[in-house]
Amino acid sequence: MSELTRRAALHGLAAASLVEGTLQAESSGAALCFTSAVEMARLIRARKLSAREALAEHLKQIERVNPKVNAIVTLVAEMAAQAAAKADEMQARKEKMGPLHGLPVAHKDLFETRGIRTTFGSPLYRDYIPTEDDLVVERIRRAGAVTIGKTNTPEFGAGSQTFNKVFGATHNPYDLTKTCGGSSGGAAVALACGLVPVATGSDTGGSLRNPAAFCNVVGFRPSLGRVPNPKAELAWLQLSTSGCLGRSAADLALVLSTIAGPDSRAPLSIQEAG
């Protein structure tokens, strides 16, 4: 395991403040949930950690902490368990593994996810289940990550706070009475609380950067076209860019490298590999 950093210690304090008493050390499991995505991916590749073990510990952390912060609003534990088992079987057969192999991931509830409810934070789409993945989701899935659920967002991502009429508000992990920012607030809180090591988001006017700052994680807005959006038919959608958040710059770079790169369906995409 990597040396404990000040940022990791603060994340631990954030999660601990939300659980009665302390994160007793069920806590070897809780500690795993604050391991960097880069290190967790290395442990999985080295067979020191299985995808199923990683998933199990994150599901326990979600059960402990998510009811207090409301970061993950749709949880697909059974689907994730099947994907994690498949990831371990692939590794046992020595098949090629992607850079995110076995890592649990949660997607912002603005991204369409095949077979998983996608509400856009709106009552109009409360029961909408897409039949295909958005490009970001597809690329992360192909990189080997295990989708664990969806994170909260304001309705249609419009706002710098994270609340809606479908799921209510997401709370700041350091003070439940304060805002977590938005619109990728669910993703930022999920990372800060160790609910996932990897999370996606999007940014029009600060929606990756604002909640990252509020929740002590890392987020930045990629240049327009770095992460293409083939569905940006409407002019205002072209103002937004897809991206990710992480608990460190290295984690963010790992995920960005899997979602960046050109797509022939997106004329504005930058013609460089991720």
C-alpha atoms as a PDB file:
ATOM      1  CA  MET A   1       0.000   0.000   0.000  1.00  0.00           C
ATOM      2  CA  SER A   2       1.175   3.527  -0.684  1.00  0.00           C
ATOM      3  CA  GLU A   3       2.172   5.812   2.186  1.00  0.00           C
ATOM      4  CA  LEU A   4      -0.720   7.621   3.858  1.00  0.00           C
ATOM      5  CA  THR A   5      -1.021  11.147   2.508  1.00  0.00           C
ATOM      6  CA  ARG A   6      -2.661  14.213   4.014  1.00  0.00           C
ATOM      7  CA  ARG A   7      -5.390  14.032   1.360  1.00  0.00           C
ATOM      8  CA  ALA A   8      -6.066  10.354   2.117  1.00  0.00           C
ATOM      9  CA  ALA A   9      -6.230  11.131   5.831  1.00  0.00           C
ATOM     10  CA  LEU A  10      -8.779  13.877   5.199  1.00  0.00           C
ATOM     11  CA  HIS A  11     -10.890  11.510   3.107  1.00  0.00           C
ATOM     12  CA  GLY A  12     -10.830   9.039   5.974  1.00  0.00           C
ATOM     13  CA  LEU A  13     -11.933  11.730   8.396  1.00  0.00           C
ATOM     14  CA  ALA A  14     -14.745  12.714   6.062  1.00  0.00           C
ATOM     15  CA  ALA A  15     -16.115   9.202   5.930  1.00  0.00           C
ATOM     16  CA  ALA A  16     -15.535   8.575   9.623  1.00  0.00           C
ATOM     17  CA  SER A  17     -17.505  11.679  10.531  1.00  0.00           C
ATOM     18  CA  LEU A  18     -20.557  10.154   8.879  1.00  0.00           C
ATOM     19  CA  VAL A  19     -20.574   6.871  10.762  1.00  0.00           C
ATOM     20  CA  GLU A  20     -21.481   6.441  14.409  1.00  0.00           C
ATOM     21  CA  GLY A  21     -18.308   6.083  16.381  1.00  0.00           C
ATOM     22  CA  THR A  22     -15.331   5.397  14.137  1.00  0.00           C
ATOM     23  CA  LEU A  23     -14.716   3.285  11.083  1.00  0.00           C
ATOM     24  CA  GLN A  24     -13.617   0.390  13.227  1.00  0.00           C
ATOM     25  CA  ALA A  25     -11.448  -1.687  11.288  1.00  0.00           C
ATOM     26  CA  GLU A  26     -13.746  -3.496   9.445  1.00  0.00           C
ATOM     27  CA  SER A  27     -11.403  -0.987   8.540  1.00  0.00           C
ATOM     28  CA  SER A  28      -8.916  -2.954   6.614  1.00  0.00           C
ATOM     29  CA  GLY A  29     -11.856  -2.962   4.207  1.00  0.00           C
ATOM     30  CA  ALA A  30     -12.542   0.719   4.785  1.00  0.00           C
ATOM     31  CA  ALA A  31      -8.850   1.459   4.205  1.00  0.00           C
ATOM     32  CA  LEU A  32      -8.993  -0.364   0.878  1.00  0.00           C
ATOM     33  CA  CYS A  33     -11.811   1.937  -0.179  1.00  0.00           C
ATOM     34  CA  PHE A  34      -9.464   4.923   0.120  1.00  0.00           C
ATOM     35  CA  THR A  35      -6.656   3.285  -1.834  1.00  0.00           C
ATOM     36  CA  SER A  36      -5.890   5.196  -5.012  1.00  0.00           C
ATOM     37  CA  ALA A  37      -7.348   3.917  -8.259  1.00  0.00           C
ATOM     38  CA  VAL A  38      -3.817   3.567  -9.639  1.00  0.00           C
ATOM     39  CA  GLU A  39      -2.736   1.405  -6.699  1.00  0.00           C
ATOM     40  CA  MET A  40      -5.952  -0.620  -6.680  1.00  0.00           C
ATOM     41  CA  ALA A  41      -5.554  -1.390 -10.378  1.00  0.00           C
ATOM     42  CA  ARG A  42      -1.970  -2.500  -9.696  1.00  0.00           C
ATOM     43  CA  LEU A  43      -3.087  -4.792  -6.871  1.00  0.00           C
ATOM     44  CA  ILE A  44      -5.690  -6.402  -9.114  1.00  0.00           C
ATOM     45  CA  ARG A  45      -3.216  -6.942 -11.946  1.00  0.00           C
ATOM     46  CA  ALA A  46      -0.752  -8.464  -9.462  1.00  0.00           C
ATOM     47  CA  ARG A  47      -3.500 -10.801  -8.170  1.00  0.00           C
ATOM     48  CA  LYS A  48      -3.163  -9.417  -4.662  1.00  0.00           C
ATOM     49  CA  LEU A  49      -6.778  -8.255  -4.862  1.00  0.00           C
ATOM     50  CA  SER A  50      -9.644  -9.679  -6.893  1.00  0.00           C
ATOM     51  CA  ALA A  51     -12.343  -7.663  -8.598  1.00  0.00           C
ATOM     52  CA  ARG A  52     -14.913  -9.415  -6.426  1.00  0.00           C
ATOM     53  CA  GLU A  53     -13.056  -8.471  -3.243  1.00  0.00           C
ATOM     54  CA  ALA A  54     -12.777  -4.856  -4.356  1.00  0.00           C
ATOM     55  CA  LEU A  55     -16.489  -4.752  -5.162  1.00  0.00           C
ATOM     56  CA  ALA A  56     -17.495  -6.369  -1.867  1.00  0.00           C
ATOM     57  CA  GLU A  57     -15.591  -3.814   0.215  1.00  0.00           C
ATOM     58  CA  HIS A  58     -17.019  -0.880  -1.723  1.00  0.00           C
ATOM     59  CA  LEU A  59     -20.551  -2.238  -1.344  1.00  0.00           C
ATOM     60  CA  LYS A  60     -19.982  -2.415   2.430  1.00  0.00           C
ATOM     61  CA  GLN A  61     -18.743   1.175   2.403  1.00  0.00           C
ATOM     62  CA  ILE A  62     -21.795   2.264   0.418  1.00  0.00           C
ATOM     63  CA  GLU A  63     -24.061   0.548   2.946  1.00  0.00           C
ATOM     64  CA  ARG A  64     -22.268   2.298   5.829  1.00  0.00           C
ATOM     65  CA  VAL A  65     -21.996   5.796   4.438  1.00  0.00           C
ATOM     66  CA  ASN A  66     -24.281   6.432   1.463  1.00  0.00           C
ATOM     67  CA  PRO A  67     -27.526   6.716   3.487  1.00  0.00           C
ATOM     68  CA  LYS A  68     -26.058   9.820   5.142  1.00  0.00           C
ATOM     69  CA  VAL A  69     -24.705  11.557   2.040  1.00  0.00           C
ATOM     70  CA  ASN A  70     -27.011  10.349  -0.776  1.00  0.00           C
ATOM     71  CA  ALA A  71     -24.248  10.272  -3.387  1.00  0.00           C
ATOM     72  CA  ILE A  72     -25.151   7.046  -5.198  1.00  0.00           C
ATOM     73  CA  VAL A  73     -28.801   7.137  -6.186  1.00  0.00           C
ATOM     74  CA  THR A  74     -29.067   3.941  -8.229  1.00  0.00           C
ATOM     75  CA  LEU A  75     -27.131   0.880  -7.051  1.00  0.00           C
ATOM     76  CA  VAL A  76     -26.821  -2.224  -9.244  1.00  0.00           C
ATOM     77  CA  ALA A  77     -25.091  -4.628  -6.875  1.00  0.00           C
ATOM     78  CA  GLU A  78     -26.133  -7.845  -8.629  1.00  0.00           C
ATOM     79  CA  MET A  79     -25.140  -6.574 -12.058  1.00  0.00           C
ATOM     80  CA  ALA A  80     -21.829  -5.399 -10.612  1.00  0.00           C
ATOM     81  CA  ALA A  81     -21.230  -8.786  -8.976  1.00  0.00           C
ATOM     82  CA  GLN A  82     -21.673 -10.507 -12.324  1.00  0.00           C
ATOM     83  CA  ALA A  83     -19.266  -8.083 -13.993  1.00  0.00           C
ATOM     84  CA  ALA A  84     -16.683  -8.515 -11.213  1.00  0.00           C
ATOM     85  CA  ALA A  85     -16.897 -12.299 -11.476  1.00  0.00           C
ATOM     86  CA  LYS A  86     -16.390 -12.041 -15.225  1.00  0.00           C
ATOM     87  CA  ALA A  87     -13.371  -9.783 -14.670  1.00  0.00           C
ATOM     88  CA  ASP A  88     -11.782 -12.343 -12.343  1.00  0.00           C
ATOM     89  CA  GLU A  89     -12.494 -15.151 -14.799  1.00  0.00           C
ATOM     90  CA  MET A  90     -10.850 -13.172 -17.598  1.00  0.00           C
ATOM     91  CA  GLN A  91      -7.776 -12.692 -15.454  1.00  0.00           C
ATOM     92  CA  ALA A  92      -7.678 -16.387 -14.551  1.00  0.00           C
ATOM     93  CA  ARG A  93      -7.697 -17.206 -18.271  1.00  0.00           C
ATOM     94  CA  LYS A  94      -4.863 -14.684 -18.735  1.00  0.00           C
ATOM     95  CA  GLU A  95      -6.914 -12.616 -21.153  1.00  0.00           C
ATOM     96  CA  LYS A  96      -5.908  -9.058 -21.950  1.00  0.00           C
ATOM     97  CA  MET A  97      -6.950  -6.628 -19.217  1.00  0.00           C
ATOM     98  CA  GLY A  98      -7.777  -2.963 -19.627  1.00  0.00           C
ATOM     99  CA  PRO A  99      -6.251  -0.200 -17.476  1.00  0.00           C
ATOM    100  CA  LEU A 100      -9.345  -0.050 -15.227  1.00  0.00           C
ATOM    101  CA  HIS A 101      -9.763  -3.818 -14.940  1.00  0.00           C
ATOM    102  CA  GLY A 102     -11.898  -4.705 -11.925  1.00  0.00           C
ATOM    103  CA  LEU A 103     -12.242  -1.172 -10.534  1.00  0.00           C
ATOM    104  CA  PRO A 104     -15.743  -0.220  -9.318  1.00  0.00           C
ATOM    105  CA  VAL A 105     -17.067   2.879 -11.091  1.00  0.00           C
ATOM    106  CA  ALA A 106     -20.145   5.071 -10.673  1.00  0.00           C
ATOM    107  CA  HIS A 107     -21.445   7.198 -13.524  1.00  0.00           C
ATOM    108  CA  LYS A 108     -23.082  10.594 -13.230  1.00  0.00           C
ATOM    109  CA  ASP A 109     -26.828  10.210 -13.757  1.00  0.00           C
ATOM    110  CA  LEU A 110     -26.640  12.306 -16.916  1.00  0.00           C
ATOM    111  CA  PHE A 111     -24.796   9.512 -18.764  1.00  0.00           C
ATOM    112  CA  GLU A 112     -26.961   6.844 -20.359  1.00  0.00           C
ATOM    113  CA  THR A 113     -26.084   3.376 -19.073  1.00  0.00           C
ATOM    114  CA  ARG A 114     -27.342   0.270 -20.839  1.00  0.00           C
ATOM    115  CA  GLY A 115     -29.815  -1.610 -18.657  1.00  0.00           C
ATOM    116  CA  ILE A 116     -29.411   0.801 -15.727  1.00  0.00           C
ATOM    117  CA  ARG A 117     -31.917   3.508 -14.819  1.00  0.00           C
ATOM    118  CA  THR A 118     -30.884   6.956 -16.016  1.00  0.00           C
ATOM    119  CA  THR A 119     -33.070   9.793 -14.730  1.00  0.00           C
ATOM    120  CA  PHE A 120     -31.083  12.941 -15.621  1.00  0.00           C
ATOM    121  CA  GLY A 121     -32.299  14.043 -12.179  1.00  0.00           C
ATOM    122  CA  SER A 122     -35.769  14.640 -13.627  1.00  0.00           C
ATOM    123  CA  PRO A 123     -39.185  13.187 -12.739  1.00  0.00           C
ATOM    124  CA  LEU A 124     -39.801  13.008 -16.497  1.00  0.00           C
ATOM    125  CA  TYR A 125     -37.220  10.214 -16.733  1.00  0.00           C
ATOM    126  CA  ARG A 126     -37.761   8.596 -13.343  1.00  0.00           C
ATOM    127  CA  ASP A 127     -38.147   5.115 -14.884  1.00  0.00           C
ATOM    128  CA  TYR A 128     -36.051   5.492 -18.047  1.00  0.00           C
ATOM    129  CA  ILE A 129     -33.727   2.560 -18.770  1.00  0.00           C
ATOM    130  CA  PRO A 130     -31.454   3.121 -21.802  1.00  0.00           C
ATOM    131  CA  THR A 131     -30.704   0.364 -24.293  1.00  0.00           C
ATOM    132  CA  GLU A 132     -27.168   1.549 -25.018  1.00  0.00           C
ATOM    133  CA  ASP A 133     -24.252   3.231 -23.263  1.00  0.00           C
ATOM    134  CA  ASP A 134     -23.042   6.764 -23.817  1.00  0.00           C
ATOM    135  CA  LEU A 135     -19.530   6.879 -25.257  1.00  0.00           C
ATOM    136  CA  VAL A 136     -17.834   7.630 -21.921  1.00  0.00           C
ATOM    137  CA  VAL A 137     -19.619   4.709 -20.252  1.00  0.00           C
ATOM    138  CA  GLU A 138     -18.790   2.411 -23.167  1.00  0.00           C
ATOM    139  CA  ARG A 139     -15.085   3.301 -23.064  1.00  0.00           C
ATOM    140  CA  ILE A 140     -14.833   2.830 -19.312  1.00  0.00           C
ATOM    141  CA  ARG A 141     -16.609  -0.512 -19.561  1.00  0.00           C
ATOM    142  CA  ARG A 142     -14.199  -1.623 -22.286  1.00  0.00           C
ATOM    143  CA  ALA A 143     -11.293  -0.547 -20.067  1.00  0.00           C
ATOM    144  CA  GLY A 144     -12.470  -3.187 -17.599  1.00  0.00           C
ATOM    145  CA  ALA A 145     -14.228  -1.162 -14.902  1.00  0.00           C
ATOM    146  CA  VAL A 146     -17.218  -2.607 -13.055  1.00  0.00           C
ATOM    147  CA  THR A 147     -20.270  -0.328 -13.052  1.00  0.00           C
ATOM    148  CA  ILE A 148     -21.663  -0.150  -9.537  1.00  0.00           C
ATOM    149  CA  GLY A 149     -24.340   2.533  -9.987  1.00  0.00           C
ATOM    150  CA  LYS A 150     -25.238   6.141 -10.756  1.00  0.00           C
ATOM    151  CA  THR A 151     -24.397   9.345  -8.875  1.00  0.00           C
ATOM    152  CA  ASN A 152     -26.726  12.227  -8.116  1.00  0.00           C
ATOM    153  CA  THR A 153     -27.020  15.394 -10.205  1.00  0.00           C
ATOM    154  CA  PRO A 154     -29.362  18.393 -10.358  1.00  0.00           C
ATOM    155  CA  GLU A 155     -32.137  18.106 -12.929  1.00  0.00           C
ATOM    156  CA  PHE A 156     -30.508  17.892 -16.378  1.00  0.00           C
ATOM    157  CA  GLY A 157     -27.244  18.961 -14.738  1.00  0.00           C
ATOM    158  CA  ALA A 158     -28.425  22.565 -14.502  1.00  0.00           C
ATOM    159  CA  GLY A 159     -26.960  24.092 -11.370  1.00  0.00           C
ATOM    160  CA  SER A 160     -23.994  24.357  -9.036  1.00  0.00           C
ATOM    161  CA  GLN A 161     -25.719  22.391  -6.271  1.00  0.00           C
ATOM    162  CA  THR A 162     -26.763  18.736  -6.300  1.00  0.00           C
ATOM    163  CA  PHE A 163     -30.431  18.133  -5.565  1.00  0.00           C
ATOM    164  CA  ASN A 164     -33.527  17.157  -7.544  1.00  0.00           C
ATOM    165  CA  LYS A 165     -37.134  16.072  -7.073  1.00  0.00           C
ATOM    166  CA  VAL A 166     -36.351  12.413  -7.766  1.00  0.00           C
ATOM    167  CA  PHE A 167     -33.632  11.716  -5.193  1.00  0.00           C
ATOM    168  CA  GLY A 168     -33.331  14.829  -3.049  1.00  0.00           C
ATOM    169  CA  ALA A 169     -30.056  16.461  -2.012  1.00  0.00           C
ATOM    170  CA  THR A 170     -26.521  15.117  -1.819  1.00  0.00           C
ATOM    171  CA  HIS A 171     -24.652  16.309   1.286  1.00  0.00           C
ATOM    172  CA  ASN A 172     -21.106  17.516   1.825  1.00  0.00           C
ATOM    173  CA  PRO A 173     -19.128  14.696   3.490  1.00  0.00           C
ATOM    174  CA  TYR A 174     -17.313  17.090   5.837  1.00  0.00           C
ATOM    175  CA  ASP A 175     -20.489  18.792   7.067  1.00  0.00           C
ATOM    176  CA  LEU A 176     -23.890  17.329   6.228  1.00  0.00           C
ATOM    177  CA  THR A 177     -25.514  20.741   6.601  1.00  0.00           C
ATOM    178  CA  LYS A 178     -23.429  22.193   3.764  1.00  0.00           C
ATOM    179  CA  THR A 179     -23.606  21.847  -0.011  1.00  0.00           C
ATOM    180  CA  CYS A 180     -21.340  19.511  -1.949  1.00  0.00           C
ATOM    181  CA  GLY A 181     -21.471  21.742  -5.025  1.00  0.00           C
ATOM    182  CA  GLY A 182     -22.529  20.536  -8.440  1.00  0.00           C
ATOM    183  CA  SER A 183     -23.497  19.440 -10.844  1.00  0.00           C
ATOM    184  CA  SER A 184     -21.197  16.406 -10.459  1.00  0.00           C
ATOM    185  CA  GLY A 185     -21.719  16.539  -6.702  1.00  0.00           C
ATOM    186  CA  GLY A 186     -22.753  12.921  -6.336  1.00  0.00           C
ATOM    187  CA  ALA A 187     -19.530  11.810  -8.009  1.00  0.00           C
ATOM    188  CA  ALA A 188     -17.338  14.057  -5.844  1.00  0.00           C
ATOM    189  CA  VAL A 189     -18.982  12.895  -2.616  1.00  0.00           C
ATOM    190  CA  ALA A 190     -18.771   9.233  -3.662  1.00  0.00           C
ATOM    191  CA  LEU A 191     -15.026   9.611  -4.158  1.00  0.00           C
ATOM    192  CA  ALA A 192     -14.494  11.576  -0.940  1.00  0.00           C
ATOM    193  CA  CYS A 193     -16.313   8.906   1.069  1.00  0.00           C
ATOM    194  CA  GLY A 194     -14.552   5.930  -0.511  1.00  0.00           C
ATOM    195  CA  LEU A 195     -17.703   4.635  -2.187  1.00  0.00           C
ATOM    196  CA  VAL A 196     -15.856   4.214  -5.499  1.00  0.00           C
ATOM    197  CA  PRO A 197     -12.287   4.763  -6.735  1.00  0.00           C
ATOM    198  CA  VAL A 198     -13.458   5.972 -10.152  1.00  0.00           C
ATOM    199  CA  ALA A 199     -16.299   8.339 -11.101  1.00  0.00           C
ATOM    200  CA  THR A 200     -17.439  10.155 -14.227  1.00  0.00           C
ATOM    201  CA  GLY A 201     -18.880  13.642 -14.542  1.00  0.00           C
ATOM    202  CA  SER A 202     -19.414  16.526 -16.920  1.00  0.00           C
ATOM    203  CA  ASP A 203     -18.708  20.256 -16.934  1.00  0.00           C
ATOM    204  CA  THR A 204     -20.322  23.266 -18.591  1.00  0.00           C
ATOM    205  CA  GLY A 205     -19.508  26.070 -16.161  1.00  0.00           C
ATOM    206  CA  GLY A 206     -17.653  24.346 -13.343  1.00  0.00           C
ATOM    207  CA  SER A 207     -19.583  21.121 -12.770  1.00  0.00           C
ATOM    208  CA  LEU A 208     -16.436  18.999 -12.408  1.00  0.00           C
ATOM    209  CA  ARG A 209     -14.301  21.627 -10.697  1.00  0.00           C
ATOM    210  CA  ASN A 210     -16.799  23.105  -8.240  1.00  0.00           C
ATOM    211  CA  PRO A 211     -17.789  19.879  -6.402  1.00  0.00           C
ATOM    212  CA  ALA A 212     -14.201  18.625  -6.483  1.00  0.00           C
ATOM    213  CA  ALA A 213     -13.115  21.747  -4.602  1.00  0.00           C
ATOM    214  CA  PHE A 214     -15.999  21.470  -2.132  1.00  0.00           C
ATOM    215  CA  CYS A 215     -15.263  17.797  -1.381  1.00  0.00           C
ATOM    216  CA  ASN A 216     -11.436  17.718  -1.403  1.00  0.00           C
ATOM    217  CA  VAL A 217     -11.052  15.620  -4.555  1.00  0.00           C
ATOM    218  CA  VAL A 218      -9.610  16.422  -7.978  1.00  0.00           C
ATOM    219  CA  GLY A 219     -11.565  17.509 -11.033  1.00  0.00           C
ATOM    220  CA  PHE A 220     -10.827  19.477 -14.173  1.00  0.00           C
ATOM    221  CA  ARG A 221     -12.622  20.336 -17.375  1.00  0.00           C
ATOM    222  CA  PRO A 222     -11.012  18.675 -20.416  1.00  0.00           C
ATOM    223  CA  SER A 223     -10.649  20.789 -23.548  1.00  0.00           C
ATOM    224  CA  LEU A 224     -13.676  20.694 -25.828  1.00  0.00           C
ATOM    225  CA  GLY A 225     -13.368  17.594 -28.000  1.00  0.00           C
ATOM    226  CA  ARG A 226     -10.782  15.841 -25.830  1.00  0.00           C
ATOM    227  CA  VAL A 227     -13.567  13.548 -24.625  1.00  0.00           C
ATOM    228  CA  PRO A 228     -15.973  13.492 -27.588  1.00  0.00           C
ATOM    229  CA  ASN A 229     -19.743  13.636 -27.303  1.00  0.00           C
ATOM    230  CA  PRO A 230     -21.405  12.110 -30.380  1.00  0.00           C
ATOM    231  CA  LYS A 231     -24.859  13.071 -29.043  1.00  0.00           C
ATOM    232  CA  ALA A 232     -24.240  16.824 -28.875  1.00  0.00           C
ATOM    233  CA  GLU A 233     -26.754  17.677 -31.604  1.00  0.00           C
ATOM    234  CA  LEU A 234     -28.112  20.657 -29.680  1.00  0.00           C
ATOM    235  CA  ALA A 235     -25.893  23.729 -29.654  1.00  0.00           C
ATOM    236  CA  TRP A 236     -25.999  24.131 -25.868  1.00  0.00           C
ATOM    237  CA  LEU A 237     -24.802  20.546 -25.378  1.00  0.00           C
ATOM    238  CA  GLN A 238     -21.637  21.471 -27.246  1.00  0.00           C
ATOM    239  CA  LEU A 239     -20.800  23.823 -24.378  1.00  0.00           C
ATOM    240  CA  SER A 240     -20.508  20.867 -22.018  1.00  0.00           C
ATOM    241  CA  THR A 241     -17.682  18.361 -21.917  1.00  0.00           C
ATOM    242  CA  SER A 242     -17.548  14.908 -20.381  1.00  0.00           C
ATOM    243  CA  GLY A 243     -14.812  14.049 -17.931  1.00  0.00           C
ATOM    244  CA  CYS A 244     -13.991  12.419 -14.624  1.00  0.00           C
ATOM    245  CA  LEU A 245     -12.973  13.067 -11.039  1.00  0.00           C
ATOM    246  CA  GLY A 246     -10.414  11.347  -8.834  1.00  0.00           C
ATOM    247  CA  ARG A 247      -8.891  11.406  -5.383  1.00  0.00           C
ATOM    248  CA  SER A 248      -5.545  12.371  -6.945  1.00  0.00           C
ATOM    249  CA  ALA A 249      -4.222  13.810 -10.187  1.00  0.00           C
ATOM    250  CA  ALA A 250      -2.734  10.403 -11.032  1.00  0.00           C
ATOM    251  CA  ASP A 251      -6.130   8.714 -10.631  1.00  0.00           C
ATOM    252  CA  LEU A 252      -7.766  11.351 -12.782  1.00  0.00           C
ATOM    253  CA  ALA A 253      -5.097  10.906 -15.476  1.00  0.00           C
ATOM    254  CA  LEU A 254      -5.644   7.136 -15.460  1.00  0.00           C
ATOM    255  CA  VAL A 255      -9.356   7.503 -16.139  1.00  0.00           C
ATOM    256  CA  LEU A 256      -8.978  10.363 -18.614  1.00  0.00           C
ATOM    257  CA  SER A 257      -6.579   8.265 -20.682  1.00  0.00           C
ATOM    258  CA  THR A 258      -9.350   5.703 -21.198  1.00  0.00           C
ATOM    259  CA  ILE A 259     -12.147   8.117 -22.156  1.00  0.00           C
ATOM    260  CA  ALA A 260     -10.213  10.620 -24.295  1.00  0.00           C
ATOM    261  CA  GLY A 261      -9.611  10.137 -27.998  1.00  0.00           C
ATOM    262  CA  PRO A 262     -11.385  10.834 -31.292  1.00  0.00           C
ATOM    263  CA  ASP A 263     -14.717   9.445 -32.438  1.00  0.00           C
ATOM    264  CA  SER A 264     -15.888   9.676 -36.038  1.00  0.00           C
ATOM    265  CA  ARG A 265     -19.429  10.507 -34.918  1.00  0.00           C
ATOM    266  CA  ALA A 266     -18.247  13.677 -33.145  1.00  0.00           C
ATOM    267  CA  PRO A 267     -16.910  16.264 -35.631  1.00  0.00           C
ATOM    268  CA  LEU A 268     -15.521  18.426 -32.817  1.00  0.00           C
ATOM    269  CA  SER A 269     -13.418  15.636 -31.319  1.00  0.00           C
ATOM    270  CA  ILE A 270      -9.668  16.222 -31.100  1.00  0.00           C
ATOM    271  CA  GLN A 271      -7.836  13.871 -33.430  1.00  0.00           C
ATOM    272  CA  GLU A 272      -5.374  12.575 -30.856  1.00  0.00           C
ATOM    273  CA  ALA A 273      -5.349   9.317 -28.934  1.00  0.00           C
ATOM    274  CA  GLY A 274      -6.178   9.415 -25.238  1.00  0.00           C
END
